Amino acid sequence: MKLVVPTDFEILDVLSDEKRNNAVNIAVELDKNRAYINTRLPILLDYGLVARVGPAENSGLYIITDKGKEVLEHRDVYGEEKFEQLVSEL
């Protein structure tokens, strides 16, 4: 798993409040470019760290998944083999 540090962890952190959010709000909260956040969210989706939620399929709303919470919890060992093992077990 190749994550962009610290941005991907920051995105997960924003979503860790268990509320739905979109790229615009996340970008404002992180003081990052919305277009850049829009490129990261589909990657986090592919890794299963976030999920897209409705009401419409293309609403642009995301939530953190259980796997995303685990990744966020173990960010201190990101880049180590231990991290990959922890994530692959989910």
PDB file of N, CA and C in Angstrom:
ATOM      1  N   MET A   1       0.856  -1.173   0.000  1.00  0.00           N
ATOM      2  CA  MET A   1       0.000   0.000   0.000  1.00  0.00           C
ATOM      3  C   MET A   1       0.900   1.233   0.000  1.00  0.00           C
ATOM      4  N   LYS A   2       0.703   2.077  -0.984  1.00  0.00           N
ATOM      5  CA  LYS A   2       1.505   3.300  -1.113  1.00  0.00           C
ATOM      6  C   LYS A   2       0.614   4.505  -0.838  1.00  0.00           C
ATOM      7  N   LEU A   3       0.809   5.107   0.315  1.00  0.00           N
ATOM      8  CA  LEU A   3       0.035   6.274   0.692  1.00  0.00           C
ATOM      9  C   LEU A   3       0.893   7.531   0.593  1.00  0.00           C
ATOM     10  N   VAL A   4       0.249   8.654   0.374  1.00  0.00           N
ATOM     11  CA  VAL A   4       0.943   9.933   0.364  1.00  0.00           C
ATOM     12  C   VAL A   4       0.925  10.461   1.798  1.00  0.00           C
ATOM     13  N   VAL A   5       2.117  10.644   2.329  1.00  0.00           N
ATOM     14  CA  VAL A   5       2.256  11.111   3.711  1.00  0.00           C
ATOM     15  C   VAL A   5       2.575  12.586   3.687  1.00  0.00           C
ATOM     16  N   PRO A   6       1.944  13.429   4.462  1.00  0.00           N
ATOM     17  CA  PRO A   6       0.923  13.102   5.463  1.00  0.00           C
ATOM     18  C   PRO A   6      -0.501  13.225   4.941  1.00  0.00           C
ATOM     19  N   THR A   7      -0.682  13.620   3.693  1.00  0.00           N
ATOM     20  CA  THR A   7      -2.013  13.974   3.188  1.00  0.00           C
ATOM     21  C   THR A   7      -3.050  12.871   3.364  1.00  0.00           C
ATOM     22  N   ASP A   8      -2.733  11.644   2.978  1.00  0.00           N
ATOM     23  CA  ASP A   8      -3.733  10.577   3.069  1.00  0.00           C
ATOM     24  C   ASP A   8      -4.148  10.331   4.518  1.00  0.00           C
ATOM     25  N   PHE A   9      -3.193  10.397   5.418  1.00  0.00           N
ATOM     26  CA  PHE A   9      -3.525  10.231   6.834  1.00  0.00           C
ATOM     27  C   PHE A   9      -4.351  11.414   7.341  1.00  0.00           C
ATOM     28  N   GLU A  10      -4.073  12.591   6.837  1.00  0.00           N
ATOM     29  CA  GLU A  10      -4.873  13.762   7.222  1.00  0.00           C
ATOM     30  C   GLU A  10      -6.314  13.629   6.735  1.00  0.00           C
ATOM     31  N   ILE A  11      -6.485  13.124   5.525  1.00  0.00           N
ATOM     32  CA  ILE A  11      -7.836  12.898   4.993  1.00  0.00           C
ATOM     33  C   ILE A  11      -8.577  11.891   5.872  1.00  0.00           C
ATOM     34  N   LEU A  12      -7.910  10.796   6.201  1.00  0.00           N
ATOM     35  CA  LEU A  12      -8.531   9.797   7.063  1.00  0.00           C
ATOM     36  C   LEU A  12      -8.862  10.382   8.430  1.00  0.00           C
ATOM     37  N   ASP A  13      -7.988  11.225   8.925  1.00  0.00           N
ATOM     38  CA  ASP A  13      -8.219  11.859  10.215  1.00  0.00           C
ATOM     39  C   ASP A  13      -9.461  12.742  10.182  1.00  0.00           C
ATOM     40  N   VAL A  14      -9.626  13.505   9.103  1.00  0.00           N
ATOM     41  CA  VAL A  14     -10.821  14.352   8.956  1.00  0.00           C
ATOM     42  C   VAL A  14     -12.075  13.486   8.947  1.00  0.00           C
ATOM     43  N   LEU A  15     -12.009  12.351   8.261  1.00  0.00           N
ATOM     44  CA  LEU A  15     -13.173  11.470   8.159  1.00  0.00           C
ATOM     45  C   LEU A  15     -13.393  10.617   9.405  1.00  0.00           C
ATOM     46  N   SER A  16     -12.437  10.608  10.308  1.00  0.00           N
ATOM     47  CA  SER A  16     -12.546   9.750  11.489  1.00  0.00           C
ATOM     48  C   SER A  16     -13.624  10.209  12.464  1.00  0.00           C
ATOM     49  N   ASP A  17     -14.230  11.360  12.211  1.00  0.00           N
ATOM     50  CA  ASP A  17     -15.322  11.821  13.078  1.00  0.00           C
ATOM     51  C   ASP A  17     -16.621  11.073  12.803  1.00  0.00           C
ATOM     52  N   GLU A  18     -16.558  10.082  11.872  1.00  0.00           N
ATOM     53  CA  GLU A  18     -17.703   9.223  11.540  1.00  0.00           C
ATOM     54  C   GLU A  18     -18.791   9.936  10.738  1.00  0.00           C
ATOM     55  N   LYS A  19     -18.524  11.145  10.280  1.00  0.00           N
ATOM     56  CA  LYS A  19     -19.516  11.873   9.486  1.00  0.00           C
ATOM     57  C   LYS A  19     -19.150  11.791   8.014  1.00  0.00           C
ATOM     58  N   ARG A  20     -20.156  11.929   7.150  1.00  0.00           N
ATOM     59  CA  ARG A  20     -19.917  11.979   5.707  1.00  0.00           C
ATOM     60  C   ARG A  20     -19.282  13.321   5.373  1.00  0.00           C
ATOM     61  N   ASN A  21     -18.403  13.313   4.393  1.00  0.00           N
ATOM     62  CA  ASN A  21     -17.782  14.555   3.985  1.00  0.00           C
ATOM     63  C   ASN A  21     -17.406  14.483   2.516  1.00  0.00           C
ATOM     64  N   ASN A  22     -17.164  15.637   1.899  1.00  0.00           N
ATOM     65  CA  ASN A  22     -16.784  15.672   0.487  1.00  0.00           C
ATOM     66  C   ASN A  22     -15.430  16.350   0.316  1.00  0.00           C
ATOM     67  N   ALA A  23     -14.911  16.300  -0.891  1.00  0.00           N
ATOM     68  CA  ALA A  23     -13.577  16.826  -1.170  1.00  0.00           C
ATOM     69  C   ALA A  23     -13.450  18.314  -0.865  1.00  0.00           C
ATOM     70  N   VAL A  24     -14.488  19.070  -1.148  1.00  0.00           N
ATOM     71  CA  VAL A  24     -14.440  20.514  -0.910  1.00  0.00           C
ATOM     72  C   VAL A  24     -14.234  20.796   0.574  1.00  0.00           C
ATOM     73  N   ASN A  25     -15.035  20.174   1.416  1.00  0.00           N
ATOM     74  CA  ASN A  25     -14.924  20.401   2.857  1.00  0.00           C
ATOM     75  C   ASN A  25     -13.592  19.901   3.408  1.00  0.00           C
ATOM     76  N   ILE A  26     -13.156  18.751   2.931  1.00  0.00           N
ATOM     77  CA  ILE A  26     -11.880  18.197   3.385  1.00  0.00           C
ATOM     78  C   ILE A  26     -10.737  19.130   2.988  1.00  0.00           C
ATOM     79  N   ALA A  27     -10.765  19.621   1.760  1.00  0.00           N
ATOM     80  CA  ALA A  27      -9.723  20.535   1.281  1.00  0.00           C
ATOM     81  C   ALA A  27      -9.665  21.805   2.129  1.00  0.00           C
ATOM     82  N   VAL A  28     -10.812  22.350   2.464  1.00  0.00           N
ATOM     83  CA  VAL A  28     -10.851  23.559   3.288  1.00  0.00           C
ATOM     84  C   VAL A  28     -10.278  23.264   4.668  1.00  0.00           C
ATOM     85  N   GLU A  29     -10.695  22.162   5.255  1.00  0.00           N
ATOM     86  CA  GLU A  29     -10.225  21.815   6.596  1.00  0.00           C
ATOM     87  C   GLU A  29      -8.711  21.587   6.637  1.00  0.00           C
ATOM     88  N   LEU A  30      -8.172  21.002   5.556  1.00  0.00           N
ATOM     89  CA  LEU A  30      -6.733  20.714   5.508  1.00  0.00           C
ATOM     90  C   LEU A  30      -5.915  21.829   4.865  1.00  0.00           C
ATOM     91  N   ASP A  31      -6.600  22.847   4.352  1.00  0.00           N
ATOM     92  CA  ASP A  31      -5.940  23.938   3.640  1.00  0.00           C
ATOM     93  C   ASP A  31      -5.117  23.395   2.463  1.00  0.00           C
ATOM     94  N   LYS A  32      -5.764  22.521   1.687  1.00  0.00           N
ATOM     95  CA  LYS A  32      -5.144  21.918   0.505  1.00  0.00           C
ATOM     96  C   LYS A  32      -6.023  22.196  -0.707  1.00  0.00           C
ATOM     97  N   ASN A  33      -5.454  22.024  -1.866  1.00  0.00           N
ATOM     98  CA  ASN A  33      -6.166  22.215  -3.120  1.00  0.00           C
ATOM     99  C   ASN A  33      -7.241  21.141  -3.291  1.00  0.00           C
ATOM    100  N   ARG A  34      -8.457  21.569  -3.620  1.00  0.00           N
ATOM    101  CA  ARG A  34      -9.570  20.627  -3.786  1.00  0.00           C
ATOM    102  C   ARG A  34      -9.284  19.606  -4.874  1.00  0.00           C
ATOM    103  N   ALA A  35      -8.693  20.037  -5.964  1.00  0.00           N
ATOM    104  CA  ALA A  35      -8.394  19.111  -7.065  1.00  0.00           C
ATOM    105  C   ALA A  35      -7.446  18.008  -6.599  1.00  0.00           C
ATOM    106  N   TYR A  36      -6.498  18.361  -5.756  1.00  0.00           N
ATOM    107  CA  TYR A  36      -5.562  17.361  -5.234  1.00  0.00           C
ATOM    108  C   TYR A  36      -6.291  16.367  -4.326  1.00  0.00           C
ATOM    109  N   ILE A  37      -7.153  16.865  -3.462  1.00  0.00           N
ATOM    110  CA  ILE A  37      -7.933  15.978  -2.594  1.00  0.00           C
ATOM    111  C   ILE A  37      -8.804  15.069  -3.460  1.00  0.00           C
ATOM    112  N   ASN A  38      -9.346  15.603  -4.551  1.00  0.00           N
ATOM    113  CA  ASN A  38     -10.150  14.791  -5.482  1.00  0.00           C
ATOM    114  C   ASN A  38      -9.340  13.680  -6.121  1.00  0.00           C
ATOM    115  N   THR A  39      -8.033  13.837  -6.249  1.00  0.00           N
ATOM    116  CA  THR A  39      -7.206  12.764  -6.808  1.00  0.00           C
ATOM    117  C   THR A  39      -6.883  11.705  -5.757  1.00  0.00           C
ATOM    118  N   ARG A  40      -6.842  12.096  -4.499  1.00  0.00           N
ATOM    119  CA  ARG A  40      -6.484  11.166  -3.428  1.00  0.00           C
ATOM    120  C   ARG A  40      -7.661  10.288  -2.993  1.00  0.00           C
ATOM    121  N   LEU A  41      -8.863  10.851  -2.969  1.00  0.00           N
ATOM    122  CA  LEU A  41     -10.021  10.097  -2.480  1.00  0.00           C
ATOM    123  C   LEU A  41     -10.286   8.810  -3.274  1.00  0.00           C
ATOM    124  N   PRO A  42     -10.218   8.813  -4.615  1.00  0.00           N
ATOM    125  CA  PRO A  42     -10.426   7.552  -5.342  1.00  0.00           C
ATOM    126  C   PRO A  42      -9.356   6.505  -5.029  1.00  0.00           C
ATOM    127  N   ILE A  43      -8.150   6.937  -4.746  1.00  0.00           N
ATOM    128  CA  ILE A  43      -7.085   5.993  -4.387  1.00  0.00           C
ATOM    129  C   ILE A  43      -7.383   5.373  -3.023  1.00  0.00           C
ATOM    130  N   LEU A  44      -7.789   6.211  -2.078  1.00  0.00           N
ATOM    131  CA  LEU A  44      -8.167   5.690  -0.761  1.00  0.00           C
ATOM    132  C   LEU A  44      -9.373   4.762  -0.881  1.00  0.00           C
ATOM    133  N   LEU A  45     -10.265   5.064  -1.813  1.00  0.00           N
ATOM    134  CA  LEU A  45     -11.413   4.202  -2.095  1.00  0.00           C
ATOM    135  C   LEU A  45     -10.951   2.850  -2.627  1.00  0.00           C
ATOM    136  N   ASP A  46     -10.006   2.862  -3.568  1.00  0.00           N
ATOM    137  CA  ASP A  46      -9.468   1.621  -4.134  1.00  0.00           C
ATOM    138  C   ASP A  46      -8.813   0.751  -3.071  1.00  0.00           C
ATOM    139  N   TYR A  47      -8.151   1.364  -2.105  1.00  0.00           N
ATOM    140  CA  TYR A  47      -7.515   0.627  -1.004  1.00  0.00           C
ATOM    141  C   TYR A  47      -8.526   0.168   0.040  1.00  0.00           C
ATOM    142  N   GLY A  48      -9.771   0.614  -0.072  1.00  0.00           N
ATOM    143  CA  GLY A  48     -10.791   0.227   0.890  1.00  0.00           C
ATOM    144  C   GLY A  48     -10.728   1.007   2.192  1.00  0.00           C
ATOM    145  N   LEU A  49     -10.058   2.157   2.166  1.00  0.00           N
ATOM    146  CA  LEU A  49      -9.910   2.965   3.382  1.00  0.00           C
ATOM    147  C   LEU A  49     -11.060   3.939   3.574  1.00  0.00           C
ATOM    148  N   VAL A  50     -11.720   4.292   2.489  1.00  0.00           N
ATOM    149  CA  VAL A  50     -12.915   5.123   2.534  1.00  0.00           C
ATOM    150  C   VAL A  50     -13.974   4.461   1.663  1.00  0.00           C
ATOM    151  N   ALA A  51     -15.208   4.851   1.875  1.00  0.00           N
ATOM    152  CA  ALA A  51     -16.318   4.362   1.057  1.00  0.00           C
ATOM    153  C   ALA A  51     -17.124   5.553   0.585  1.00  0.00           C
ATOM    154  N   ARG A  52     -17.640   5.442  -0.614  1.00  0.00           N
ATOM    155  CA  ARG A  52     -18.517   6.478  -1.158  1.00  0.00           C
ATOM    156  C   ARG A  52     -19.935   6.171  -0.686  1.00  0.00           C
ATOM    157  N   VAL A  53     -20.624   7.190  -0.217  1.00  0.00           N
ATOM    158  CA  VAL A  53     -21.985   7.002   0.296  1.00  0.00           C
ATOM    159  C   VAL A  53     -22.946   7.911  -0.439  1.00  0.00           C
ATOM    160  N   GLY A  54     -24.209   7.603  -0.346  1.00  0.00           N
ATOM    161  CA  GLY A  54     -25.262   8.315  -1.058  1.00  0.00           C
ATOM    162  C   GLY A  54     -25.675   9.602  -0.407  1.00  0.00           C
ATOM    163  N   PRO A  55     -26.801  10.078  -0.787  1.00  0.00           N
ATOM    164  CA  PRO A  55     -27.896   9.288  -1.357  1.00  0.00           C
ATOM    165  C   PRO A  55     -27.673   8.895  -2.818  1.00  0.00           C
ATOM    166  N   ALA A  56     -27.039   9.720  -3.626  1.00  0.00           N
ATOM    167  CA  ALA A  56     -26.758   9.348  -5.018  1.00  0.00           C
ATOM    168  C   ALA A  56     -25.391   8.685  -5.076  1.00  0.00           C
ATOM    169  N   GLU A  57     -25.227   7.719  -5.994  1.00  0.00           N
ATOM    170  CA  GLU A  57     -23.967   6.986  -6.101  1.00  0.00           C
ATOM    171  C   GLU A  57     -22.791   7.911  -6.387  1.00  0.00           C
ATOM    172  N   ASN A  58     -23.026   8.972  -7.137  1.00  0.00           N
ATOM    173  CA  ASN A  58     -21.947   9.894  -7.497  1.00  0.00           C
ATOM    174  C   ASN A  58     -22.022  11.207  -6.693  1.00  0.00           C
ATOM    175  N   SER A  59     -22.499  11.106  -5.466  1.00  0.00           N
ATOM    176  CA  SER A  59     -22.697  12.307  -4.652  1.00  0.00           C
ATOM    177  C   SER A  59     -21.397  12.960  -4.203  1.00  0.00           C
ATOM    178  N   GLY A  60     -20.309  12.199  -4.216  1.00  0.00           N
ATOM    179  CA  GLY A  60     -19.032  12.760  -3.776  1.00  0.00           C
ATOM    180  C   GLY A  60     -18.881  12.779  -2.272  1.00  0.00           C
ATOM    181  N   LEU A  61     -19.747  12.063  -1.569  1.00  0.00           N
ATOM    182  CA  LEU A  61     -19.649  11.977  -0.119  1.00  0.00           C
ATOM    183  C   LEU A  61     -18.893  10.712   0.270  1.00  0.00           C
ATOM    184  N   TYR A  62     -17.988  10.859   1.228  1.00  0.00           N
ATOM    185  CA  TYR A  62     -17.152   9.747   1.668  1.00  0.00           C
ATOM    186  C   TYR A  62     -17.238   9.576   3.170  1.00  0.00           C
ATOM    187  N   ILE A  63     -17.024   8.328   3.604  1.00  0.00           N
ATOM    188  CA  ILE A  63     -16.871   8.015   5.019  1.00  0.00           C
ATOM    189  C   ILE A  63     -15.629   7.142   5.165  1.00  0.00           C
ATOM    190  N   ILE A  64     -15.082   7.103   6.350  1.00  0.00           N
ATOM    191  CA  ILE A  64     -13.953   6.221   6.617  1.00  0.00           C
ATOM    192  C   ILE A  64     -14.484   4.810   6.876  1.00  0.00           C
ATOM    193  N   THR A  65     -13.748   3.798   6.439  1.00  0.00           N
ATOM    194  CA  THR A  65     -14.127   2.406   6.671  1.00  0.00           C
ATOM    195  C   THR A  65     -13.401   1.891   7.915  1.00  0.00           C
ATOM    196  N   ASP A  66     -13.766   0.698   8.334  1.00  0.00           N
ATOM    197  CA  ASP A  66     -13.065   0.079   9.455  1.00  0.00           C
ATOM    198  C   ASP A  66     -11.582  -0.106   9.124  1.00  0.00           C
ATOM    199  N   LYS A  67     -11.302  -0.481   7.890  1.00  0.00           N
ATOM    200  CA  LYS A  67      -9.911  -0.637   7.461  1.00  0.00           C
ATOM    201  C   LYS A  67      -9.198   0.712   7.521  1.00  0.00           C
ATOM    202  N   GLY A  68      -9.873   1.778   7.117  1.00  0.00           N
ATOM    203  CA  GLY A  68      -9.297   3.120   7.201  1.00  0.00           C
ATOM    204  C   GLY A  68      -8.987   3.510   8.626  1.00  0.00           C
ATOM    205  N   LYS A  69      -9.863   3.143   9.543  1.00  0.00           N
ATOM    206  CA  LYS A  69      -9.616   3.422  10.964  1.00  0.00           C
ATOM    207  C   LYS A  69      -8.386   2.685  11.461  1.00  0.00           C
ATOM    208  N   GLU A  70      -8.226   1.420  11.032  1.00  0.00           N
ATOM    209  CA  GLU A  70      -7.057   0.633  11.426  1.00  0.00           C
ATOM    210  C   GLU A  70      -5.768   1.248  10.878  1.00  0.00           C
ATOM    211  N   VAL A  71      -5.813   1.655   9.614  1.00  0.00           N
ATOM    212  CA  VAL A  71      -4.645   2.286   9.001  1.00  0.00           C
ATOM    213  C   VAL A  71      -4.275   3.552   9.769  1.00  0.00           C
ATOM    214  N   LEU A  72      -5.263   4.344  10.094  1.00  0.00           N
ATOM    215  CA  LEU A  72      -5.036   5.574  10.839  1.00  0.00           C
ATOM    216  C   LEU A  72      -4.465   5.274  12.219  1.00  0.00           C
ATOM    217  N   GLU A  73      -4.971   4.242  12.839  1.00  0.00           N
ATOM    218  CA  GLU A  73      -4.501   3.860  14.171  1.00  0.00           C
ATOM    219  C   GLU A  73      -3.035   3.421  14.162  1.00  0.00           C
ATOM    220  N   HIS A  74      -2.598   2.836  13.048  1.00  0.00           N
ATOM    221  CA  HIS A  74      -1.232   2.307  12.963  1.00  0.00           C
ATOM    222  C   HIS A  74      -0.308   3.168  12.101  1.00  0.00           C
ATOM    223  N   ARG A  75      -0.639   4.423  11.925  1.00  0.00           N
ATOM    224  CA  ARG A  75       0.175   5.292  11.061  1.00  0.00           C
ATOM    225  C   ARG A  75       1.600   5.456  11.570  1.00  0.00           C
ATOM    226  N   ASP A  76       1.826   5.256  12.859  1.00  0.00           N
ATOM    227  CA  ASP A  76       3.167   5.416  13.416  1.00  0.00           C
ATOM    228  C   ASP A  76       4.144   4.364  12.900  1.00  0.00           C
ATOM    229  N   VAL A  77       3.641   3.261  12.358  1.00  0.00           N
ATOM    230  CA  VAL A  77       4.525   2.237  11.795  1.00  0.00           C
ATOM    231  C   VAL A  77       4.400   2.147  10.277  1.00  0.00           C
ATOM    232  N   TYR A  78       3.814   3.187   9.655  1.00  0.00           N
ATOM    233  CA  TYR A  78       3.685   3.189   8.197  1.00  0.00           C
ATOM    234  C   TYR A  78       5.078   3.125   7.572  1.00  0.00           C
ATOM    235  N   GLY A  79       5.203   2.342   6.539  1.00  0.00           N
ATOM    236  CA  GLY A  79       6.484   2.179   5.858  1.00  0.00           C
ATOM    237  C   GLY A  79       7.259   0.964   6.354  1.00  0.00           C
ATOM    238  N   GLU A  80       6.860   0.424   7.488  1.00  0.00           N
ATOM    239  CA  GLU A  80       7.502  -0.778   8.010  1.00  0.00           C
ATOM    240  C   GLU A  80       6.705  -2.002   7.582  1.00  0.00           C
ATOM    241  N   GLU A  81       7.370  -3.134   7.544  1.00  0.00           N
ATOM    242  CA  GLU A  81       6.705  -4.382   7.173  1.00  0.00           C
ATOM    243  C   GLU A  81       5.537  -4.671   8.115  1.00  0.00           C
ATOM    244  N   LYS A  82       5.690  -4.304   9.363  1.00  0.00           N
ATOM    245  CA  LYS A  82       4.641  -4.511  10.364  1.00  0.00           C
ATOM    246  C   LYS A  82       3.325  -3.832   9.921  1.00  0.00           C
ATOM    247  N   PHE A  83       3.438  -2.648   9.345  1.00  0.00           N
ATOM    248  CA  PHE A  83       2.246  -1.925   8.886  1.00  0.00           C
ATOM    249  C   PHE A  83       1.536  -2.721   7.794  1.00  0.00           C
ATOM    250  N   GLU A  84       2.279  -3.178   6.814  1.00  0.00           N
ATOM    251  CA  GLU A  84       1.695  -3.955   5.717  1.00  0.00           C
ATOM    252  C   GLU A  84       1.009  -5.207   6.226  1.00  0.00           C
ATOM    253  N   GLN A  85       1.602  -5.866   7.208  1.00  0.00           N
ATOM    254  CA  GLN A  85       1.006  -7.065   7.789  1.00  0.00           C
ATOM    255  C   GLN A  85      -0.300  -6.739   8.501  1.00  0.00           C
ATOM    256  N   LEU A  86      -0.294  -5.669   9.263  1.00  0.00           N
ATOM    257  CA  LEU A  86      -1.489  -5.251   9.992  1.00  0.00           C
ATOM    258  C   LEU A  86      -2.633  -4.963   9.027  1.00  0.00           C
ATOM    259  N   VAL A  87      -2.338  -4.238   7.945  1.00  0.00           N
ATOM    260  CA  VAL A  87      -3.366  -3.849   6.990  1.00  0.00           C
ATOM    261  C   VAL A  87      -3.840  -5.046   6.166  1.00  0.00           C
ATOM    262  N   SER A  88      -2.935  -5.916   5.776  1.00  0.00           N
ATOM    263  CA  SER A  88      -3.327  -7.057   4.942  1.00  0.00           C
ATOM    264  C   SER A  88      -4.196  -8.052   5.697  1.00  0.00           C
ATOM    265  N   GLU A  89      -4.156  -8.012   7.016  1.00  0.00           N
ATOM    266  CA  GLU A  89      -4.967  -8.924   7.819  1.00  0.00           C
ATOM    267  C   GLU A  89      -6.417  -8.472   7.905  1.00  0.00           C
ATOM    268  N   LEU A  90      -6.715  -7.252   7.469  1.00  0.00           N
ATOM    269  CA  LEU A  90      -8.078  -6.735   7.589  1.00  0.00           C
ATOM    270  C   LEU A  90      -8.965  -7.219   6.476  1.00  0.00           C
TER     271      LEU A  90
END
